[in-house]
Protein backbone atom coordinates (compact mmCIF):
# COMPACT_ATOMS: atom_id res chain seq x y z
CA UNK A 1 17.26 -144.61 87.99
CA UNK A 2 16.65 -143.15 84.55
CA UNK A 3 18.37 -140.19 82.92
CA UNK A 4 16.44 -138.37 80.22
CA UNK A 5 18.44 -136.07 77.99
CA UNK A 6 17.04 -133.44 75.69
CA UNK A 7 18.02 -130.35 73.75
CA UNK A 8 20.09 -131.66 70.87
CA UNK A 9 19.60 -130.49 67.33
CA UNK A 10 21.13 -128.85 64.29
CA UNK A 11 22.94 -125.54 64.61
CA UNK A 12 25.35 -123.54 62.51
CA UNK A 13 28.95 -122.90 63.43
CA UNK A 14 29.11 -120.28 66.14
CA UNK A 15 25.63 -121.03 67.38
CA UNK A 16 24.43 -122.22 70.77
CA UNK A 17 22.48 -125.12 72.19
CA UNK A 18 21.48 -126.09 75.69
CA UNK A 19 21.29 -129.72 76.71
CA UNK A 20 19.27 -130.80 79.71
CA UNK A 21 19.23 -134.04 81.62
CA UNK A 22 16.71 -135.02 84.26
CA UNK A 23 17.18 -137.96 86.59
CA UNK A 24 14.27 -139.89 88.00
CA UNK A 25 13.84 -142.89 90.23
CA UNK A 26 15.97 -141.70 93.09
CA UNK A 27 16.29 -138.55 95.17
CA UNK A 28 20.08 -138.70 94.76
CA UNK A 29 21.76 -140.25 91.77
CA UNK A 30 25.39 -139.59 92.50
CA UNK A 31 28.10 -137.26 93.62
CA UNK A 32 29.00 -136.39 90.07
CA UNK A 33 26.80 -135.69 87.07
CA UNK A 34 28.01 -134.68 83.68
CA UNK A 35 28.16 -135.10 79.95
CA UNK A 36 30.13 -137.26 77.55
CA UNK A 37 30.01 -137.37 73.77
CA UNK A 38 30.73 -139.91 71.08
CA UNK A 39 31.23 -139.87 67.33
CA UNK A 40 31.16 -142.96 65.07
CA UNK A 41 34.29 -145.05 65.37
CA UNK A 42 35.60 -143.21 68.40
CA UNK A 43 35.49 -143.83 72.11
CA UNK A 44 33.11 -141.91 74.29
CA UNK A 45 34.88 -138.86 75.67
CA UNK A 46 34.28 -136.70 78.69
CA UNK A 47 32.93 -133.22 77.99
CA UNK A 48 32.16 -131.77 81.40
CA UNK A 49 31.31 -132.93 84.89
CA UNK A 50 29.99 -131.31 88.03
CA UNK A 51 30.79 -132.65 91.45
CA UNK A 52 32.15 -130.33 94.08
CA UNK A 53 33.49 -128.28 91.19
CA UNK A 54 33.11 -128.15 87.46
CA UNK A 55 35.56 -129.89 85.18
CA UNK A 56 35.80 -129.34 81.44
CA UNK A 57 37.64 -131.04 78.65
CA UNK A 58 40.24 -128.76 77.14
CA UNK A 59 38.41 -128.73 73.82
CA UNK A 60 35.28 -127.13 75.31
CA UNK A 61 36.68 -125.00 78.10
CA UNK A 62 35.54 -121.40 77.75
CA UNK A 63 32.69 -122.32 75.41
CA UNK A 64 30.59 -124.78 77.43
CA UNK A 65 29.13 -124.29 80.89
CA UNK A 66 27.77 -127.10 83.04
CA UNK A 67 25.23 -126.51 85.78
CA UNK A 68 23.53 -128.82 88.21
CA UNK A 69 20.44 -128.52 90.34
CA UNK A 70 20.61 -131.08 93.13
CA UNK A 71 17.09 -130.35 94.30
CA UNK A 72 15.67 -131.12 90.86
CA UNK A 73 18.23 -133.82 89.99
CA UNK A 74 19.11 -132.12 86.73
CA UNK A 75 22.30 -131.29 84.91
CA UNK A 76 22.46 -128.89 82.00
CA UNK A 77 25.13 -128.08 79.46
CA UNK A 78 25.13 -124.67 77.82
CA UNK A 79 27.13 -124.88 74.62
CA UNK A 80 28.22 -121.65 72.95
CA UNK A 81 30.38 -120.91 69.94
CA UNK A 82 29.78 -124.39 68.62
CA UNK A 83 32.17 -125.86 66.09
CA UNK A 84 31.73 -128.69 63.56
CA UNK A 85 34.03 -130.86 65.68
CA UNK A 86 31.45 -130.65 68.48
CA UNK A 87 29.12 -132.77 66.37
CA UNK A 88 28.40 -135.94 68.34
CA UNK A 89 25.86 -137.84 70.34
CA UNK A 90 25.90 -136.38 73.83
CA UNK A 91 25.19 -138.57 76.84
CA UNK A 92 24.45 -137.45 80.35
CA UNK A 93 25.88 -139.51 83.15
CA UNK A 94 25.55 -139.82 86.91
CA UNK A 95 28.33 -141.35 88.98
CA UNK A 96 27.60 -142.65 92.43
CA UNK A 97 27.55 -146.12 93.87
CA UNK A 98 26.62 -147.02 90.33
CA UNK A 99 27.03 -145.25 87.03
CA UNK A 100 23.91 -144.35 85.08
CA UNK A 101 23.76 -143.23 81.46
CA UNK A 102 21.11 -141.35 79.56
CA UNK A 103 19.96 -142.35 76.09
CA UNK A 104 21.98 -139.76 74.16
CA UNK A 105 20.97 -136.71 72.18
CA UNK A 106 22.43 -135.78 68.81
CA UNK A 107 24.14 -132.44 68.30
CA UNK A 108 25.02 -131.51 64.73
CA UNK A 109 27.03 -128.39 63.96
CA UNK A 110 27.07 -127.41 60.31
CA UNK A 111 29.97 -125.52 58.78
């Protein structure tokens, strides 16, 4: 199974970005798919997941929206009202019998 993430980039404070992640190699990669992020020197932190329901970290609730297409094996993250503290490398993840990670995509929010 491979997860390919895309959509990162540079945006100004208040702007929007949409991250996409496509899974390949299996028709079903896991019950839960989602996104984590990591900044230098810090642990990877959960941003949002989608299983039976969506879950969001408190820091992004109301600004980010996660969506999943089981038929296409994709998970997207719509990020609105971005803040400089959202700057990080974002990783998509799929949790099932095993956990799979994508390669990461950099999001930079300038102040």
